[in-house]
Amino acid sequence: MEKKFDYTKPWTSLQRYRAYKEYNTDYVTTLTDAVIASLYRNTYHIEPATGLLNDPNGFSYFNGKYHLFYQVFPYGPVHGLKSWALMTSIDLIHWENEGLKILPDTIYDSRGAYSGSAIPLSEDELFIFYTGNTRGADQSRAAYQNGAIYGKNGQITKFEQPLLTTPAGYTNHFRDPMVFKVDDQAYAVIGAQRADETGTVVLAKADKADLTSWHYQGELHFTDEALGYMVECPNIVLIDQKPVLIFCPQGLDKNVCEYDNIFPNMYVIADGLDLETPKLLNPSEFHRLDDGFEVYATQAFNAPDGRVLASSWLGLPDIDVPSQADGVQGILSLVKELTLKDGKLYQYPVSETLSLRQDVHEMLLTQDPETQHTNSYELEVELSSNQTLYLFANADKTSYVSLNVDMGIGKITLDRENLPVSWAEEYGFTRSTYFDTQKETLKLNIFADTSSLEIFVNDGEKVMSSRIFTAPDHTHLFSDGAVKASLWTLKK
């Protein structure tokens, strides 16, 4: 198909932030056709109909359904004028697209409805807390923490005035309010940059049960280490009564915690939470939430069934990907359940994911390529010796993704250098993670989709999530040695 627009060309600020009504029918039709024709569309992951998807927002349970909003710029594969789109589901697997719900249509979000969260107020109302981005005539940024109500009728009613404005001592890089409750009292953590351009997390507290009034409690203390120049997307969940803080520090010193991506997604586990001081009690060291190439802005919440559920953006800020040529960028991860085992955070796809499985194919992987009809499967293997698996491979084994396992030192290395297309080269072609060597075997559950790969080690002890862009015929599997494997085609 001949492309009428080159979506990879640099977009000017004027192009990124033009009003939605200025995009004519011809442009929208052409963009939609380009996305539909893309070779990178996934089978069972949430992705935008057109344009760019980034942070998951407002993950919650309301009116008998899971609600998962996400950041979207519908008119191109770049960070432009953002809205919130909504997906709903009864099983966390089959999602209904409910369309755009929070639009940049007031003076307090005119430059974009940025990230935030949601929590039910009643059976009839879902409270939404989000950042409104604005720019003055001189292009100076102003950020507002705004409120809205999403009703059972599917309508959004925005509060007339912001709930919080940026306090003294901080720049207007002040965003991403994540609301949570402790003993029926609502709080929110907010990502912030101090006036000296250092990052931090700020805690706010609701003054009223209807969440129409808030005040700042102060900065949440959980480390003496510098947090880089900005913290984004903080959220707190309680797992077995222990608070877990998930956050994205930008510019974090790699001596504090090593990472290879442009920005990491981190977490801290604490023994308790002092919400008056405020601080985490006996917090752990920083840990990477995911050891793959692309994970950011993870949002988790305490679901009413007792589980802690999380969704991640399989992407990163300031990183271009091959699908942008087709007018689309960004997908969300599988929904994961978070648990604590022996003081470690485990992440694993929710049990409902099993419903995607079709008939099982028991196989013996060898050096002879095993052909699949599509890269839409779950592969389960148990290894007791050193091994290398090859995924997304072509028939002659010259192009692939490799997964090398060293049982002796407990190291897994994911390598995507041998793909036909490359991106983010300045951040390297390999990622590694380490696992507990006390076990005699290593279990891997590998979820492949057309352009994504999520690897769960030992039932979620470690996770490696990445985008994979390759040719349509790269659907072969093989290994260095004989490996017994179970493979399920995954289909909604």
Protein backbone atom coordinates (compact mmCIF):
# COMPACT_ATOMS: atom_id res chain seq x y z
CA MET A 1 0.00 0.00 0.00
CA GLU A 2 1.37 3.39 -0.96
CA LYS A 3 1.74 5.62 2.07
CA LYS A 4 0.37 9.14 1.70
CA PHE A 5 1.99 10.33 4.94
CA ASP A 6 5.40 9.72 6.47
CA TYR A 7 4.69 9.32 10.16
CA THR A 8 8.38 8.99 11.00
CA LYS A 9 9.21 12.57 10.05
CA PRO A 10 9.81 14.87 13.03
CA TRP A 11 6.61 16.46 14.26
CA THR A 12 6.63 20.14 15.17
CA SER A 13 5.06 21.30 18.41
CA LEU A 14 2.26 22.87 16.37
CA GLN A 15 1.53 19.53 14.72
CA ARG A 16 1.61 17.61 18.00
CA TYR A 17 -0.79 19.91 19.80
CA ARG A 18 -3.31 20.93 17.18
CA ALA A 19 -6.97 20.48 18.07
CA TYR A 20 -8.42 17.07 17.22
CA LYS A 21 -11.08 18.67 15.02
CA GLU A 22 -8.34 19.89 12.66
CA TYR A 23 -7.58 16.34 11.47
CA ASN A 24 -9.66 15.81 8.35
CA THR A 25 -11.38 12.62 7.25
CA ASP A 26 -8.78 11.85 4.59
CA TYR A 27 -5.98 11.96 7.14
CA VAL A 28 -7.83 9.77 9.65
CA THR A 29 -8.81 7.22 6.99
CA THR A 30 -5.27 6.99 5.68
CA LEU A 31 -3.86 6.61 9.19
CA THR A 32 -6.39 3.92 10.06
CA ASP A 33 -5.63 1.98 6.88
CA ALA A 34 -1.89 2.15 7.59
CA VAL A 35 -2.35 0.77 11.09
CA ILE A 36 -4.66 -2.02 9.93
CA ALA A 37 -2.06 -3.04 7.34
CA SER A 38 0.80 -3.03 9.86
CA LEU A 39 2.68 -6.31 10.19
CA TYR A 40 3.22 -5.63 13.88
CA ARG A 41 -0.37 -5.76 15.17
CA ASN A 42 -0.71 -8.05 18.17
CA THR A 43 -3.22 -10.79 18.89
CA TYR A 44 -3.97 -10.59 22.61
CA HIS A 45 -2.41 -7.37 23.88
CA ILE A 46 -4.14 -4.01 24.29
CA GLU A 47 -2.95 -1.55 21.65
CA PRO A 48 -4.38 1.66 20.19
CA ALA A 49 -6.58 1.72 17.11
CA THR A 50 -4.29 4.45 15.78
CA GLY A 51 -1.53 6.68 17.08
CA LEU A 52 0.39 6.38 20.31
CA LEU A 53 -0.44 4.54 23.53
CA ASN A 54 1.66 5.05 26.63
CA ASP A 55 0.90 4.93 30.38
CA PRO A 56 -1.88 2.74 31.78
CA ASN A 57 -4.20 4.95 33.85
CA GLY A 58 -7.13 4.58 36.20
CA PHE A 59 -6.81 0.81 36.63
CA SER A 60 -9.77 -0.09 38.83
CA TYR A 61 -12.84 -2.26 39.37
CA PHE A 62 -16.18 -0.49 38.99
CA ASN A 63 -19.76 -1.39 38.09
CA GLY A 64 -18.96 -5.10 37.77
CA LYS A 65 -16.08 -4.59 35.35
CA TYR A 66 -12.38 -3.91 35.33
CA HIS A 67 -11.63 -0.46 33.96
CA LEU A 68 -8.26 0.19 32.37
CA PHE A 69 -7.68 3.60 30.85
CA TYR A 70 -4.53 4.54 28.96
CA GLN A 71 -2.78 7.61 27.62
CA VAL A 72 -3.34 8.06 23.91
CA PHE A 73 -2.61 10.49 21.10
CA PRO A 74 -4.90 9.11 18.38
CA TYR A 75 -3.53 11.04 15.41
CA GLY A 76 0.06 9.90 15.14
CA PRO A 77 2.73 7.64 16.65
CA VAL A 78 4.25 10.46 18.71
CA HIS A 79 3.67 12.14 22.06
CA GLY A 80 1.09 14.76 21.13
CA LEU A 81 -2.13 16.11 22.64
CA LYS A 82 -3.08 13.36 25.09
CA SER A 83 -6.46 11.97 26.11
CA TRP A 84 -7.55 9.00 28.18
CA ALA A 85 -9.00 6.02 26.32
CA LEU A 86 -10.94 3.33 28.19
CA MET A 87 -11.01 -0.46 27.96
CA THR A 88 -13.39 -2.53 30.11
CA SER A 89 -13.41 -6.25 30.86
CA ILE A 90 -15.06 -8.83 33.07
CA ASP A 91 -12.08 -11.20 32.93
CA LEU A 92 -8.92 -9.08 32.36
CA ILE A 93 -8.42 -10.83 29.01
CA HIS A 94 -11.24 -9.85 26.67
CA TRP A 95 -11.42 -6.07 26.54
CA GLU A 96 -14.07 -3.76 25.10
CA ASN A 97 -12.95 -0.46 23.61
CA GLU A 98 -15.13 2.25 25.17
CA GLY A 99 -13.43 5.08 23.27
CA LEU A 100 -11.95 8.38 24.46
CA LYS A 101 -13.22 9.42 27.88
CA ILE A 102 -11.06 12.27 29.22
CA LEU A 103 -10.33 14.84 26.54
CA PRO A 104 -8.11 17.94 26.75
CA ASP A 105 -11.09 20.28 26.62
CA THR A 106 -10.79 22.66 29.60
CA ILE A 107 -8.41 25.44 30.59
CA TYR A 108 -6.88 23.09 33.16
CA ASP A 109 -5.91 20.32 30.71
CA SER A 110 -5.72 22.16 27.38
CA ARG A 111 -2.26 20.79 26.59
CA GLY A 112 -3.15 17.24 27.49
CA ALA A 113 -4.96 15.01 29.97
CA TYR A 114 -1.92 13.35 31.52
CA SER A 115 -1.60 10.30 33.73
CA GLY A 116 -3.54 9.52 36.86
CA SER A 117 -5.65 6.95 38.67
CA ALA A 118 -9.17 5.99 39.68
CA ILE A 119 -11.02 4.60 42.68
CA PRO A 120 -14.75 3.89 43.20
CA LEU A 121 -16.66 6.43 45.29
CA SER A 122 -19.86 4.40 45.23
CA GLU A 123 -21.67 1.86 43.10
CA ASP A 124 -22.56 4.72 40.76
CA GLU A 125 -19.41 6.84 40.62
CA LEU A 126 -15.76 6.24 39.81
CA PHE A 127 -13.45 9.04 41.00
CA ILE A 128 -10.66 9.95 38.59
CA PHE A 129 -7.55 11.90 39.62
CA TYR A 130 -5.36 13.08 36.75
CA THR A 131 -2.81 15.70 35.74
CA GLY A 132 -3.89 18.46 33.40
CA ASN A 133 -1.06 19.92 31.36
CA THR A 134 -1.25 23.52 30.12
CA ARG A 135 1.01 26.06 28.47
CA GLY A 136 0.90 29.84 28.78
CA ALA A 137 1.34 32.37 25.97
CA ASP A 138 5.09 32.22 26.60
CA GLN A 139 4.95 28.39 26.43
CA SER A 140 5.62 28.06 30.16
CA ARG A 141 4.23 24.85 31.64
CA ALA A 142 1.59 24.73 34.35
CA ALA A 143 0.36 21.44 35.80
CA TYR A 144 -2.89 20.88 37.68
CA GLN A 145 -4.10 17.83 39.57
CA ASN A 146 -7.68 17.53 38.38
CA GLY A 147 -10.68 15.50 39.44
CA ALA A 148 -13.52 13.93 37.48
CA ILE A 149 -16.39 11.52 38.00
CA TYR A 150 -17.06 8.65 35.61
CA GLY A 151 -20.66 7.50 35.95
CA LYS A 152 -22.40 4.21 35.29
CA ASN A 153 -23.85 5.87 32.19
CA GLY A 154 -20.35 6.16 30.74
CA GLN A 155 -20.22 9.94 31.01
CA ILE A 156 -17.35 12.00 32.43
CA THR A 157 -18.06 15.03 34.64
CA LYS A 158 -14.97 17.09 35.36
CA PHE A 159 -14.60 19.15 38.52
CA GLU A 160 -14.70 22.86 37.72
CA GLN A 161 -11.50 23.67 39.62
CA PRO A 162 -8.27 21.71 40.14
CA LEU A 163 -8.04 19.69 43.32
CA LEU A 164 -4.37 20.56 43.77
CA THR A 165 -1.97 23.06 42.25
CA THR A 166 1.81 22.81 42.25
CA PRO A 167 3.15 23.84 45.67
CA ALA A 168 6.08 26.17 46.25
CA GLY A 169 9.48 24.55 45.97
CA TYR A 170 8.64 22.42 42.92
CA THR A 171 8.74 22.87 39.18
CA ASN A 172 5.68 22.20 37.04
CA HIS A 173 7.02 18.72 36.35
CA PHE A 174 4.53 17.61 38.97
CA ARG A 175 2.18 14.85 37.85
CA ASP A 176 0.66 11.36 37.90
CA PRO A 177 -1.50 11.32 41.07
CA MET A 178 -2.08 7.74 42.19
CA VAL A 179 -4.92 7.41 44.69
CA PHE A 180 -5.11 4.63 47.28
CA LYS A 181 -6.94 4.04 50.54
CA VAL A 182 -5.79 2.96 53.99
CA ASP A 183 -8.58 2.33 56.53
CA ASP A 184 -11.06 4.15 54.26
CA GLN A 185 -8.88 7.27 54.19
CA ALA A 186 -7.81 8.33 50.69
CA TYR A 187 -4.27 9.37 49.86
CA ALA A 188 -2.37 9.98 46.64
CA VAL A 189 1.28 9.80 45.69
CA ILE A 190 2.46 12.24 43.03
CA GLY A 191 5.66 12.28 40.98
CA ALA A 192 7.57 15.52 41.31
CA GLN A 193 10.65 17.57 40.52
CA ARG A 194 11.94 19.98 43.14
CA ALA A 195 12.99 23.52 42.26
CA ASP A 196 16.61 22.32 42.32
CA GLU A 197 15.68 19.80 39.60
CA THR A 198 15.88 16.69 41.75
CA GLY A 199 13.18 14.03 41.80
CA THR A 200 10.89 13.06 44.64
CA VAL A 201 7.49 11.61 45.55
CA VAL A 202 4.89 13.80 47.27
CA LEU A 203 2.00 12.50 49.38
CA ALA A 204 -1.43 14.15 49.41
CA LYS A 205 -4.38 13.41 51.71
CA ALA A 206 -8.09 13.81 51.04
CA ASP A 207 -9.99 16.12 53.40
CA LYS A 208 -13.44 14.77 52.55
CA ALA A 209 -14.93 11.36 51.85
CA ASP A 210 -16.17 12.57 48.45
CA LEU A 211 -12.54 13.40 47.51
CA THR A 212 -13.39 16.98 46.51
CA SER A 213 -10.76 18.53 48.78
CA TRP A 214 -7.11 17.60 49.28
CA HIS A 215 -3.95 18.88 50.97
CA TYR A 216 -0.27 18.00 50.80
CA GLN A 217 1.23 15.90 53.58
CA GLY A 218 4.80 16.37 52.37
CA GLU A 219 7.44 14.33 50.59
CA LEU A 220 7.32 10.58 51.08
CA HIS A 221 10.67 9.53 52.51
CA PHE A 222 11.89 6.07 51.51
CA THR A 223 15.57 6.54 50.72
CA ASP A 224 18.55 8.77 51.37
CA GLU A 225 19.67 8.27 47.78
CA ALA A 226 19.10 10.93 45.13
CA LEU A 227 16.22 10.01 42.82
CA GLY A 228 17.58 11.58 39.66
CA TYR A 229 15.95 14.68 38.21
CA MET A 230 12.31 13.50 38.17
CA VAL A 231 10.07 10.72 39.43
CA GLU A 232 7.10 9.62 37.33
CA CYS A 233 4.18 7.26 37.87
CA PRO A 234 4.54 6.43 41.58
CA ASN A 235 1.96 4.12 43.11
CA ILE A 236 1.52 2.32 46.39
CA VAL A 237 -0.18 -1.04 46.90
CA LEU A 238 -0.47 -3.21 49.97
CA ILE A 239 0.56 -6.85 49.57
CA ASP A 240 0.13 -9.00 52.68
CA GLN A 241 -0.14 -5.72 54.60
CA LYS A 242 3.27 -4.61 53.37
CA PRO A 243 3.43 -1.40 51.31
CA VAL A 244 5.10 -1.69 47.92
CA LEU A 245 6.08 1.53 46.17
CA ILE A 246 6.40 1.31 42.39
CA PHE A 247 7.97 4.29 40.62
CA CYS A 248 9.93 5.50 37.60
CA PRO A 249 12.97 7.63 38.48
CA GLN A 250 14.47 9.57 35.59
CA GLY A 251 18.20 10.24 35.67
CA LEU A 252 18.81 7.83 38.55
CA ASP A 253 22.49 7.23 39.30
CA LYS A 254 23.31 3.69 38.16
CA ASN A 255 25.42 3.22 41.28
CA VAL A 256 22.15 3.28 43.23
CA CYS A 257 20.64 0.52 41.11
CA GLU A 258 21.96 -0.75 37.80
CA TYR A 259 19.77 -0.50 34.72
CA ASP A 260 20.23 -0.46 30.94
CA ASN A 261 17.07 1.20 29.64
CA ILE A 262 16.80 4.95 29.19
CA PHE A 263 14.68 5.06 32.37
CA PRO A 264 13.95 2.22 34.82
CA ASN A 265 10.76 1.06 36.49
CA MET A 266 11.65 0.39 40.15
CA TYR A 267 10.05 -0.84 43.34
CA VAL A 268 10.68 -0.78 47.09
CA ILE A 269 9.12 -3.11 49.70
CA ALA A 270 8.63 -1.76 53.23
CA ASP A 271 7.48 -3.13 56.57
CA GLY A 272 5.00 -0.34 57.10
CA LEU A 273 3.77 3.09 56.06
CA ASP A 274 3.69 6.18 58.27
CA LEU A 275 1.24 8.43 56.46
CA GLU A 276 1.61 11.38 58.83
CA THR A 277 5.38 11.86 58.68
CA PRO A 278 5.19 10.58 55.84
CA LYS A 279 7.65 7.75 55.24
CA LEU A 280 8.05 4.07 54.45
CA LEU A 281 9.15 2.02 57.45
CA ASN A 282 12.27 -0.09 56.97
CA PRO A 283 12.24 0.17 53.15
CA SER A 284 14.22 -2.26 51.03
CA GLU A 285 16.84 -1.36 48.50
CA PHE A 286 15.68 -0.38 45.01
CA HIS A 287 14.86 -3.25 42.67
CA ARG A 288 14.10 -3.27 38.97
CA LEU A 289 10.51 -4.26 38.36
CA ASP A 290 11.36 -5.81 35.00
CA ASP A 291 14.65 -6.79 33.37
CA GLY A 292 13.56 -6.60 29.74
CA PHE A 293 14.01 -3.92 27.11
CA GLU A 294 10.70 -2.08 27.39
CA VAL A 295 8.65 -1.61 30.55
CA TYR A 296 7.56 1.68 32.10
CA ALA A 297 4.77 3.44 33.98
CA THR A 298 3.47 0.28 35.66
CA GLN A 299 0.20 0.92 37.50
CA ALA A 300 -1.08 -1.44 40.18
CA PHE A 301 -4.09 -1.45 42.48
CA ASN A 302 -5.63 -3.51 45.26
CA ALA A 303 -8.59 -5.22 43.62
CA PRO A 304 -11.72 -6.05 45.64
CA ASP A 305 -11.12 -9.81 45.26
CA GLY A 306 -7.91 -9.47 47.30
CA ARG A 307 -5.48 -9.60 44.41
CA VAL A 308 -2.99 -6.89 43.52
CA LEU A 309 -3.20 -6.33 39.77
CA ALA A 310 -0.76 -4.47 37.54
CA SER A 311 -0.49 -3.28 33.95
CA SER A 312 2.62 -1.87 32.29
CA TRP A 313 3.38 0.14 29.19
CA LEU A 314 5.64 -1.97 26.97
CA GLY A 315 7.48 1.10 25.80
CA LEU A 316 9.71 3.90 27.01
CA PRO A 317 9.77 7.69 26.80
CA ASP A 318 11.95 9.20 24.07
CA ILE A 319 12.45 5.89 22.24
CA ASP A 320 11.31 5.42 18.64
CA VAL A 321 10.17 1.99 17.43
CA PRO A 322 9.70 0.48 13.94
CA SER A 323 5.89 0.44 14.08
CA GLN A 324 5.87 4.23 13.96
CA ALA A 325 6.25 3.96 10.20
CA ASP A 326 2.75 2.44 10.23
CA GLY A 327 1.27 5.24 12.33
CA VAL A 328 1.12 3.35 15.61
CA GLN A 329 3.21 2.91 18.76
CA GLY A 330 2.76 1.31 22.16
CA ILE A 331 1.00 -1.67 23.75
CA LEU A 332 0.12 -2.70 27.28
CA SER A 333 1.46 -5.79 29.02
CA LEU A 334 -0.56 -8.75 30.09
CA VAL A 335 -2.31 -8.03 33.37
CA LYS A 336 -0.11 -9.39 36.15
CA GLU A 337 -0.85 -10.40 39.72
CA LEU A 338 1.70 -9.17 42.26
CA THR A 339 2.55 -11.31 45.29
CA LEU A 340 5.27 -11.48 47.92
CA LYS A 341 7.22 -14.70 48.49
CA ASP A 342 10.12 -14.87 50.94
CA GLY A 343 10.40 -11.09 50.87
CA LYS A 344 10.58 -10.92 47.06
CA LEU A 345 8.08 -9.40 44.68
CA TYR A 346 6.67 -11.91 42.19
CA GLN A 347 4.73 -10.99 39.05
CA TYR A 348 2.78 -13.46 36.94
CA PRO A 349 -0.07 -13.23 34.43
CA VAL A 350 -3.46 -13.46 36.12
CA SER A 351 -5.02 -16.92 36.19
CA GLU A 352 -7.61 -15.79 33.64
CA THR A 353 -4.80 -15.78 31.06
CA LEU A 354 -5.20 -19.56 30.86
CA SER A 355 -8.40 -18.95 28.89
CA LEU A 356 -6.26 -17.85 25.94
CA ARG A 357 -4.75 -21.31 25.59
CA GLN A 358 -5.78 -23.50 22.68
CA ASP A 359 -4.72 -27.15 22.32
CA VAL A 360 -1.32 -27.95 23.79
CA HIS A 361 1.53 -29.08 21.54
CA GLU A 362 4.16 -31.15 23.34
CA MET A 363 7.44 -30.85 21.48
CA LEU A 364 11.15 -31.48 21.62
CA LEU A 365 13.08 -28.40 20.61
CA THR A 366 16.34 -29.16 18.82
CA GLN A 367 18.63 -27.45 16.34
CA ASP A 368 16.04 -28.16 13.64
CA PRO A 369 13.61 -25.22 13.49
CA GLU A 370 10.09 -25.90 14.72
CA THR A 371 7.57 -23.98 12.64
CA GLN A 372 4.62 -22.09 14.11
CA HIS A 373 1.86 -20.51 12.06
CA THR A 374 2.03 -17.34 14.11
CA ASN A 375 3.96 -15.68 16.89
CA SER A 376 1.04 -15.89 19.28
CA TYR A 377 1.79 -18.55 21.85
CA GLU A 378 2.84 -19.49 25.36
CA LEU A 379 5.94 -21.67 25.57
CA GLU A 380 6.73 -23.47 28.83
CA VAL A 381 10.07 -25.15 29.44
CA GLU A 382 11.96 -26.50 32.42
CA LEU A 383 15.74 -26.53 32.18
CA SER A 384 18.31 -28.32 34.30
CA SER A 385 21.42 -27.49 32.27
CA ASN A 386 22.85 -24.64 30.23
CA GLN A 387 20.78 -23.92 27.15
CA THR A 388 20.02 -21.35 24.48
CA LEU A 389 16.53 -20.98 23.04
CA TYR A 390 15.86 -19.17 19.77
CA LEU A 391 12.52 -17.46 19.16
CA PHE A 392 11.08 -15.35 16.33
CA ALA A 393 13.53 -17.14 14.00
CA ASN A 394 13.55 -17.50 10.23
CA ALA A 395 13.86 -20.89 8.52
CA ASP A 396 17.60 -20.69 7.89
CA LYS A 397 18.35 -19.62 11.49
CA THR A 398 20.11 -16.38 10.55
CA SER A 399 17.61 -14.05 12.21
CA TYR A 400 16.16 -14.60 15.69
CA VAL A 401 15.85 -13.58 19.33
CA SER A 402 18.03 -15.69 21.62
CA LEU A 403 17.58 -16.54 25.27
CA ASN A 404 20.72 -17.92 26.89
CA VAL A 405 20.48 -19.68 30.26
CA ASP A 406 23.53 -20.26 32.45
CA MET A 407 22.45 -22.55 35.27
CA GLY A 408 25.81 -22.30 37.03
CA ILE A 409 25.66 -18.59 37.81
CA GLY A 410 21.89 -18.26 37.53
CA LYS A 411 21.90 -15.85 34.62
CA ILE A 412 19.52 -15.38 31.70
CA THR A 413 20.51 -13.19 28.76
CA LEU A 414 18.00 -11.97 26.19
CA ASP A 415 19.60 -10.90 22.89
CA ARG A 416 17.76 -9.23 20.00
CA GLU A 417 20.77 -8.14 17.93
CA ASN A 418 20.04 -10.69 15.19
CA LEU A 419 16.66 -9.29 14.18
CA PRO A 420 16.12 -7.85 10.67
CA VAL A 421 15.32 -4.41 12.11
CA SER A 422 16.86 -2.64 15.08
CA TRP A 423 15.97 0.29 17.32
CA ALA A 424 17.23 1.95 20.50
CA GLU A 425 20.71 0.73 19.55
CA GLU A 426 22.41 3.21 21.88
CA TYR A 427 21.00 1.25 24.83
CA GLY A 428 22.39 -2.10 23.72
CA PHE A 429 21.09 -5.35 22.28
CA THR A 430 21.10 -7.54 25.41
CA ARG A 431 19.37 -7.61 28.77
CA SER A 432 20.13 -9.98 31.64
CA THR A 433 18.49 -11.15 34.81
CA TYR A 434 19.53 -13.47 37.63
CA PHE A 435 17.61 -16.26 39.32
CA ASP A 436 17.89 -18.44 42.41
CA THR A 437 20.40 -21.24 41.71
CA GLN A 438 19.33 -23.32 44.71
CA LYS A 439 16.59 -24.90 42.62
CA GLU A 440 17.57 -27.85 40.44
CA THR A 441 15.49 -26.67 37.50
CA LEU A 442 14.56 -23.37 35.92
CA LYS A 443 11.00 -22.83 34.74
CA LEU A 444 10.27 -20.36 31.94
CA ASN A 445 6.84 -19.28 30.75
CA ILE A 446 7.31 -17.31 27.56
CA PHE A 447 4.41 -15.31 26.13
CA ALA A 448 5.05 -14.34 22.52
CA ASP A 449 2.80 -12.11 20.46
CA THR A 450 3.31 -10.64 17.00
CA SER A 451 5.57 -7.85 18.26
CA SER A 452 6.02 -8.52 21.96
CA LEU A 453 7.71 -10.96 24.31
CA GLU A 454 7.04 -11.42 28.04
CA ILE A 455 9.22 -13.94 29.86
CA PHE A 456 8.33 -15.08 33.39
CA VAL A 457 11.09 -16.84 35.32
CA ASN A 458 10.22 -19.39 38.01
CA ASP A 459 6.55 -18.39 38.21
CA GLY A 460 7.33 -14.69 38.37
CA GLU A 461 10.53 -14.47 40.40
CA LYS A 462 11.86 -12.32 37.55
CA VAL A 463 10.26 -10.84 34.44
CA MET A 464 11.71 -9.75 31.10
CA SER A 465 9.32 -7.80 28.86
CA SER A 466 10.23 -6.48 25.42
CA ARG A 467 8.98 -5.43 22.03
CA ILE A 468 10.09 -7.59 19.09
CA PHE A 469 9.87 -6.29 15.53
CA THR A 470 10.59 -8.82 12.82
CA ALA A 471 9.33 -10.23 9.52
CA PRO A 472 6.04 -12.20 9.22
CA ASP A 473 7.82 -15.46 8.37
CA HIS A 474 10.02 -15.36 11.49
CA THR A 475 7.85 -17.84 13.39
CA HIS A 476 10.35 -20.65 14.00
CA LEU A 477 11.72 -22.01 17.28
CA PHE A 478 14.88 -23.98 17.92
CA SER A 479 17.51 -24.60 20.59
CA ASP A 480 21.14 -25.59 20.97
CA GLY A 481 20.29 -28.89 22.65
CA ALA A 482 17.23 -31.06 23.13
CA VAL A 483 14.60 -29.26 25.21
CA LYS A 484 11.17 -30.62 26.10
CA ALA A 485 8.57 -27.91 25.77
CA SER A 486 4.83 -27.34 25.93
CA LEU A 487 3.38 -24.83 23.52
CA TRP A 488 -0.12 -23.38 23.48
CA THR A 489 -1.34 -21.19 20.67
CA LEU A 490 -2.96 -18.16 22.31
CA LYS A 491 -6.16 -16.77 20.89
CA LYS A 492 -8.89 -14.50 22.20
